[in-house]
PDB file of N, CA and C in Angstrom:
ATOM      1  N   MET A   1     160.670 -69.909  32.959  1.00  0.00           N
ATOM      2  CA  MET A   1     160.792 -69.169  34.191  1.00  0.00           C
ATOM      3  C   MET A   1     162.195 -69.442  34.729  1.00  0.00           C
ATOM      4  N   THR A   2     162.821 -68.431  35.294  1.00  0.00           N
ATOM      5  CA  THR A   2     164.158 -68.609  35.855  1.00  0.00           C
ATOM      6  C   THR A   2     164.070 -69.257  37.235  1.00  0.00           C
ATOM      7  N   TRP A   3     165.216 -69.718  37.730  1.00  0.00           N
ATOM      8  CA  TRP A   3     165.273 -70.304  39.066  1.00  0.00           C
ATOM      9  C   TRP A   3     164.795 -69.293  40.107  1.00  0.00           C
ATOM     10  N   ASP A   4     165.266 -68.058  40.006  1.00  0.00           N
ATOM     11  CA  ASP A   4     164.886 -67.036  40.984  1.00  0.00           C
ATOM     12  C   ASP A   4     163.381 -66.771  40.973  1.00  0.00           C
ATOM     13  N   GLU A   5     162.779 -66.708  39.805  1.00  0.00           N
ATOM     14  CA  GLU A   5     161.331 -66.493  39.708  1.00  0.00           C
ATOM     15  C   GLU A   5     160.571 -67.660  40.341  1.00  0.00           C
ATOM     16  N   ALA A   6     160.993 -68.869  40.011  1.00  0.00           N
ATOM     17  CA  ALA A   6     160.328 -70.058  40.550  1.00  0.00           C
ATOM     18  C   ALA A   6     160.501 -70.133  42.065  1.00  0.00           C
ATOM     19  N   ALA A   7     161.693 -69.833  42.560  1.00  0.00           N
ATOM     20  CA  ALA A   7     161.939 -69.861  44.004  1.00  0.00           C
ATOM     21  C   ALA A   7     161.084 -68.820  44.718  1.00  0.00           C
ATOM     22  N   ARG A   8     160.918 -67.651  44.126  1.00  0.00           N
ATOM     23  CA  ARG A   8     160.083 -66.602  44.720  1.00  0.00           C
ATOM     24  C   ARG A   8     158.635 -67.069  44.822  1.00  0.00           C
ATOM     25  N   ILE A   9     158.130 -67.712  43.768  1.00  0.00           N
ATOM     26  CA  ILE A   9     156.755 -68.222  43.778  1.00  0.00           C
ATOM     27  C   ILE A   9     156.602 -69.318  44.830  1.00  0.00           C
ATOM     28  N   ALA A  10     157.567 -70.218  44.918  1.00  0.00           N
ATOM     29  CA  ALA A  10     157.514 -71.288  45.926  1.00  0.00           C
ATOM     30  C   ALA A  10     157.495 -70.698  47.335  1.00  0.00           C
ATOM     31  N   GLU A  11     158.265 -69.647  47.565  1.00  0.00           N
ATOM     32  CA  GLU A  11     158.268 -68.984  48.867  1.00  0.00           C
ATOM     33  C   GLU A  11     156.925 -68.315  49.144  1.00  0.00           C
ATOM     34  N   GLN A  12     156.323 -67.695  48.137  1.00  0.00           N
ATOM     35  CA  GLN A  12     155.013 -67.064  48.297  1.00  0.00           C
ATOM     36  C   GLN A  12     153.956 -68.112  48.639  1.00  0.00           C
ATOM     37  N   ILE A  13     154.033 -69.253  47.997  1.00  0.00           N
ATOM     38  CA  ILE A  13     153.085 -70.333  48.275  1.00  0.00           C
ATOM     39  C   ILE A  13     153.242 -70.807  49.716  1.00  0.00           C
ATOM     40  N   ALA A  14     154.471 -71.010  50.150  1.00  0.00           N
ATOM     41  CA  ALA A  14     154.725 -71.476  51.515  1.00  0.00           C
ATOM     42  C   ALA A  14     154.209 -70.479  52.551  1.00  0.00           C
ATOM     43  N   ALA A  15     154.249 -69.197  52.234  1.00  0.00           N
ATOM     44  CA  ALA A  15     153.808 -68.154  53.164  1.00  0.00           C
ATOM     45  C   ALA A  15     152.309 -67.869  53.074  1.00  0.00           C
ATOM     46  N   SER A  16     151.634 -68.443  52.080  1.00  0.00           N
ATOM     47  CA  SER A  16     150.209 -68.174  51.881  1.00  0.00           C
ATOM     48  C   SER A  16     149.369 -68.925  52.914  1.00  0.00           C
ATOM     49  N   PRO A  17     148.116 -68.509  53.095  1.00  0.00           N
ATOM     50  CA  PRO A  17     147.245 -69.209  54.054  1.00  0.00           C
ATOM     51  C   PRO A  17     147.087 -70.702  53.756  1.00  0.00           C
ATOM     52  N   ASP A  18     147.117 -71.096  52.487  1.00  0.00           N
ATOM     53  CA  ASP A  18     146.998 -72.510  52.125  1.00  0.00           C
ATOM     54  C   ASP A  18     148.339 -73.240  52.145  1.00  0.00           C
ATOM     55  N   GLY A  19     149.423 -72.513  52.311  1.00  0.00           N
ATOM     56  CA  GLY A  19     150.759 -73.087  52.214  1.00  0.00           C
ATOM     57  C   GLY A  19     151.036 -74.226  53.163  1.00  0.00           C
ATOM     58  N   GLY A  20     150.414 -74.229  54.337  1.00  0.00           N
ATOM     59  CA  GLY A  20     150.660 -75.290  55.309  1.00  0.00           C
ATOM     60  C   GLY A  20     150.140 -76.645  54.886  1.00  0.00           C
ATOM     61  N   ASN A  21     149.274 -76.673  53.884  1.00  0.00           N
ATOM     62  CA  ASN A  21     148.706 -77.934  53.400  1.00  0.00           C
ATOM     63  C   ASN A  21     149.408 -78.464  52.160  1.00  0.00           C
ATOM     64  N   TRP A  22     150.445 -77.774  51.718  1.00  0.00           N
ATOM     65  CA  TRP A  22     151.075 -78.096  50.443  1.00  0.00           C
ATOM     66  C   TRP A  22     152.588 -78.179  50.563  1.00  0.00           C
ATOM     67  N   HIS A  23     153.180 -79.000  49.708  1.00  0.00           N
ATOM     68  CA  HIS A  23     154.621 -78.995  49.477  1.00  0.00           C
ATOM     69  C   HIS A  23     154.827 -78.234  48.171  1.00  0.00           C
ATOM     70  N   ALA A  24     155.742 -77.294  48.152  1.00  0.00           N
ATOM     71  CA  ALA A  24     156.075 -76.566  46.924  1.00  0.00           C
ATOM     72  C   ALA A  24     157.566 -76.715  46.680  1.00  0.00           C
ATOM     73  N   GLN A  25     157.931 -77.024  45.449  1.00  0.00           N
ATOM     74  CA  GLN A  25     159.344 -77.170  45.121  1.00  0.00           C
ATOM     75  C   GLN A  25     159.600 -76.675  43.715  1.00  0.00           C
ATOM     76  N   VAL A  26     160.822 -76.261  43.495  1.00  0.00           N
ATOM     77  CA  VAL A  26     161.253 -75.818  42.169  1.00  0.00           C
ATOM     78  C   VAL A  26     161.835 -77.025  41.454  1.00  0.00           C
ATOM     79  N   ALA A  27     161.430 -77.203  40.207  1.00  0.00           N
ATOM     80  CA  ALA A  27     161.913 -78.338  39.421  1.00  0.00           C
ATOM     81  C   ALA A  27     162.365 -77.861  38.055  1.00  0.00           C
ATOM     82  N   ALA A  28     163.401 -78.484  37.538  1.00  0.00           N
ATOM     83  CA  ALA A  28     163.877 -78.178  36.194  1.00  0.00           C
ATOM     84  C   ALA A  28     162.947 -78.825  35.181  1.00  0.00           C
ATOM     85  N   THR A  29     162.706 -78.144  34.077  1.00  0.00           N
ATOM     86  CA  THR A  29     161.832 -78.694  33.042  1.00  0.00           C
ATOM     87  C   THR A  29     162.582 -79.615  32.103  1.00  0.00           C
ATOM     88  N   GLY A  30     163.894 -79.557  32.139  1.00  0.00           N
ATOM     89  CA  GLY A  30     164.684 -80.355  31.210  1.00  0.00           C
ATOM     90  C   GLY A  30     164.925 -79.626  29.903  1.00  0.00           C
ATOM     91  N   GLN A  31     164.491 -78.381  29.829  1.00  0.00           N
ATOM     92  CA  GLN A  31     164.653 -77.576  28.618  1.00  0.00           C
ATOM     93  C   GLN A  31     165.562 -76.384  28.924  1.00  0.00           C
ATOM     94  N   GLY A  32     166.843 -76.616  28.983  1.00  0.00           N
ATOM     95  CA  GLY A  32     167.785 -75.538  29.242  1.00  0.00           C
ATOM     96  C   GLY A  32     167.698 -75.024  30.655  1.00  0.00           C
ATOM     97  N   GLN A  33     167.515 -73.735  30.801  1.00  0.00           N
ATOM     98  CA  GLN A  33     167.487 -73.084  32.105  1.00  0.00           C
ATOM     99  C   GLN A  33     166.064 -72.788  32.574  1.00  0.00           C
ATOM    100  N   ASP A  34     165.077 -73.530  32.110  1.00  0.00           N
ATOM    101  CA  ASP A  34     163.685 -73.305  32.489  1.00  0.00           C
ATOM    102  C   ASP A  34     163.325 -74.121  33.718  1.00  0.00           C
ATOM    103  N   TYR A  35     162.536 -73.498  34.602  1.00  0.00           N
ATOM    104  CA  TYR A  35     162.108 -74.143  35.841  1.00  0.00           C
ATOM    105  C   TYR A  35     160.609 -73.968  36.014  1.00  0.00           C
ATOM    106  N   ILE A  36     160.027 -74.848  36.808  1.00  0.00           N
ATOM    107  CA  ILE A  36     158.606 -74.786  37.149  1.00  0.00           C
ATOM    108  C   ILE A  36     158.469 -74.902  38.655  1.00  0.00           C
ATOM    109  N   VAL A  37     157.298 -74.575  39.150  1.00  0.00           N
ATOM    110  CA  VAL A  37     156.993 -74.792  40.557  1.00  0.00           C
ATOM    111  C   VAL A  37     156.011 -75.959  40.612  1.00  0.00           C
ATOM    112  N   ALA A  38     156.422 -77.017  41.275  1.00  0.00           N
ATOM    113  CA  ALA A  38     155.581 -78.202  41.433  1.00  0.00           C
ATOM    114  C   ALA A  38     155.013 -78.183  42.848  1.00  0.00           C
ATOM    115  N   VAL A  39     153.696 -78.359  42.956  1.00  0.00           N
ATOM    116  CA  VAL A  39     153.039 -78.375  44.260  1.00  0.00           C
ATOM    117  C   VAL A  39     152.215 -79.645  44.394  1.00  0.00           C
ATOM    118  N   ARG A  40     152.115 -80.138  45.626  1.00  0.00           N
ATOM    119  CA  ARG A  40     151.230 -81.262  45.910  1.00  0.00           C
ATOM    120  C   ARG A  40     150.735 -81.112  47.329  1.00  0.00           C
ATOM    121  N   GLN A  41     149.512 -81.557  47.551  1.00  0.00           N
ATOM    122  CA  GLN A  41     148.951 -81.514  48.889  1.00  0.00           C
ATOM    123  C   GLN A  41     149.628 -82.579  49.745  1.00  0.00           C
ATOM    124  N   HIS A  42     149.730 -82.302  51.048  1.00  0.00           N
ATOM    125  CA  HIS A  42     150.271 -83.299  51.974  1.00  0.00           C
ATOM    126  C   HIS A  42     149.456 -84.584  51.856  1.00  0.00           C
ATOM    127  N   ASN A  43     150.109 -85.695  52.003  1.00  0.00           N
ATOM    128  CA  ASN A  43     149.485 -87.025  51.979  1.00  0.00           C
ATOM    129  C   ASN A  43     148.864 -87.383  50.632  1.00  0.00           C
ATOM    130  N   THR A  44     149.329 -86.761  49.563  1.00  0.00           N
ATOM    131  CA  THR A  44     148.899 -87.135  48.215  1.00  0.00           C
ATOM    132  C   THR A  44     150.142 -87.338  47.361  1.00  0.00           C
ATOM    133  N   HIS A  45     149.940 -87.875  46.176  1.00  0.00           N
ATOM    134  CA  HIS A  45     151.061 -88.123  45.270  1.00  0.00           C
ATOM    135  C   HIS A  45     150.913 -87.379  43.948  1.00  0.00           C
ATOM    136  N   THR A  46     149.871 -86.575  43.817  1.00  0.00           N
ATOM    137  CA  THR A  46     149.628 -85.856  42.570  1.00  0.00           C
ATOM    138  C   THR A  46     150.287 -84.487  42.616  1.00  0.00           C
ATOM    139  N   TYR A  47     151.147 -84.219  41.640  1.00  0.00           N
ATOM    140  CA  TYR A  47     151.790 -82.911  41.523  1.00  0.00           C
ATOM    141  C   TYR A  47     151.056 -82.060  40.505  1.00  0.00           C
ATOM    142  N   TYR A  48     150.998 -80.787  40.789  1.00  0.00           N
ATOM    143  CA  TYR A  48     150.450 -79.792  39.864  1.00  0.00           C
ATOM    144  C   TYR A  48     151.552 -78.770  39.618  1.00  0.00           C
ATOM    145  N   HIS A  49     151.578 -78.210  38.432  1.00  0.00           N
ATOM    146  CA  HIS A  49     152.574 -77.195  38.097  1.00  0.00           C
ATOM    147  C   HIS A  49     151.887 -75.848  38.021  1.00  0.00           C
ATOM    148  N   VAL A  50     152.459 -74.868  38.707  1.00  0.00           N
ATOM    149  CA  VAL A  50     151.907 -73.520  38.701  1.00  0.00           C
ATOM    150  C   VAL A  50     153.003 -72.534  38.333  1.00  0.00           C
ATOM    151  N   SER A  51     152.581 -71.417  37.760  1.00  0.00           N
ATOM    152  CA  SER A  51     153.560 -70.413  37.338  1.00  0.00           C
ATOM    153  C   SER A  51     153.373 -69.083  38.055  1.00  0.00           C
ATOM    154  N   SER A  52     152.473 -69.042  39.050  1.00  0.00           N
ATOM    155  CA  SER A  52     152.273 -67.820  39.825  1.00  0.00           C
ATOM    156  C   SER A  52     151.493 -68.155  41.091  1.00  0.00           C
ATOM    157  N   LEU A  53     151.509 -67.225  42.033  1.00  0.00           N
ATOM    158  CA  LEU A  53     150.725 -67.400  43.246  1.00  0.00           C
ATOM    159  C   LEU A  53     149.241 -67.401  42.898  1.00  0.00           C
ATOM    160  N   ARG A  54     148.839 -66.564  41.977  1.00  0.00           N
ATOM    161  CA  ARG A  54     147.435 -66.511  41.541  1.00  0.00           C
ATOM    162  C   ARG A  54     146.995 -67.864  40.974  1.00  0.00           C
ATOM    163  N   GLU A  55     147.861 -68.493  40.189  1.00  0.00           N
ATOM    164  CA  GLU A  55     147.541 -69.807  39.629  1.00  0.00           C
ATOM    165  C   GLU A  55     147.409 -70.849  40.742  1.00  0.00           C
ATOM    166  N   PHE A  56     148.248 -70.763  41.767  1.00  0.00           N
ATOM    167  CA  PHE A  56     148.157 -71.665  42.918  1.00  0.00           C
ATOM    168  C   PHE A  56     146.824 -71.484  43.638  1.00  0.00           C
ATOM    169  N   ILE A  57     146.424 -70.234  43.864  1.00  0.00           N
ATOM    170  CA  ILE A  57     145.154 -69.953  44.538  1.00  0.00           C
ATOM    171  C   ILE A  57     143.986 -70.493  43.717  1.00  0.00           C
ATOM    172  N   THR A  58     144.042 -70.318  42.415  1.00  0.00           N
ATOM    173  CA  THR A  58     143.001 -70.851  41.530  1.00  0.00           C
ATOM    174  C   THR A  58     142.950 -72.367  41.633  1.00  0.00           C
ATOM    175  N   LEU A  59     144.097 -73.012  41.662  1.00  0.00           N
ATOM    176  CA  LEU A  59     144.160 -74.467  41.810  1.00  0.00           C
ATOM    177  C   LEU A  59     143.501 -74.894  43.121  1.00  0.00           C
ATOM    178  N   CYS A  60     143.821 -74.231  44.212  1.00  0.00           N
ATOM    179  CA  CYS A  60     143.219 -74.560  45.505  1.00  0.00           C
ATOM    180  C   CYS A  60     141.702 -74.426  45.436  1.00  0.00           C
ATOM    181  N   ASP A  61     141.230 -73.336  44.837  1.00  0.00           N
ATOM    182  CA  ASP A  61     139.787 -73.124  44.705  1.00  0.00           C
ATOM    183  C   ASP A  61     139.133 -74.223  43.875  1.00  0.00           C
ATOM    184  N   GLN A  62     139.781 -74.618  42.783  1.00  0.00           N
ATOM    185  CA  GLN A  62     139.239 -75.668  41.919  1.00  0.00           C
ATOM    186  C   GLN A  62     139.161 -76.997  42.654  1.00  0.00           C
ATOM    187  N   LEU A  63     140.183 -77.309  43.432  1.00  0.00           N
ATOM    188  CA  LEU A  63     140.201 -78.581  44.162  1.00  0.00           C
ATOM    189  C   LEU A  63     139.141 -78.591  45.257  1.00  0.00           C
ATOM    190  N   ILE A  64     138.918 -77.459  45.885  1.00  0.00           N
ATOM    191  CA  ILE A  64     137.871 -77.372  46.915  1.00  0.00           C
ATOM    192  C   ILE A  64     136.505 -77.561  46.267  1.00  0.00           C
ATOM    193  N   MET A  65     136.294 -76.927  45.118  1.00  0.00           N
ATOM    194  CA  MET A  65     135.011 -77.016  44.424  1.00  0.00           C
ATOM    195  C   MET A  65     134.743 -78.448  43.963  1.00  0.00           C
ATOM    196  N   SER A  66     135.808 -79.177  43.583  1.00  0.00           N
ATOM    197  CA  SER A  66     135.614 -80.540  43.093  1.00  0.00           C
ATOM    198  C   SER A  66     135.572 -81.559  44.238  1.00  0.00           C
ATOM    199  N   GLY A  67     135.833 -81.084  45.454  1.00  0.00           N
ATOM    200  CA  GLY A  67     135.764 -81.983  46.612  1.00  0.00           C
ATOM    201  C   GLY A  67     137.004 -82.813  46.835  1.00  0.00           C
ATOM    202  N   ARG A  68     138.115 -82.443  46.279  1.00  0.00           N
ATOM    203  CA  ARG A  68     139.358 -83.202  46.443  1.00  0.00           C
ATOM    204  C   ARG A  68     140.102 -82.756  47.650  1.00  0.00           C
TER     205      ARG A  68
END
């Protein structure tokens, strides 16, 4: 994913209804010009990597279902 694509996804996450509970940042993968979007809930230390807003929403749903 390019920097621009990752930045757009991070902005979409921040603007989403769940965005206020999460930190979203763009991170380099270490493989050339590839980037990822790393997200973590406030007051936690676990990062998750997502490649779309839909994937972020699915992650939120999964965490709610598991009680995290």
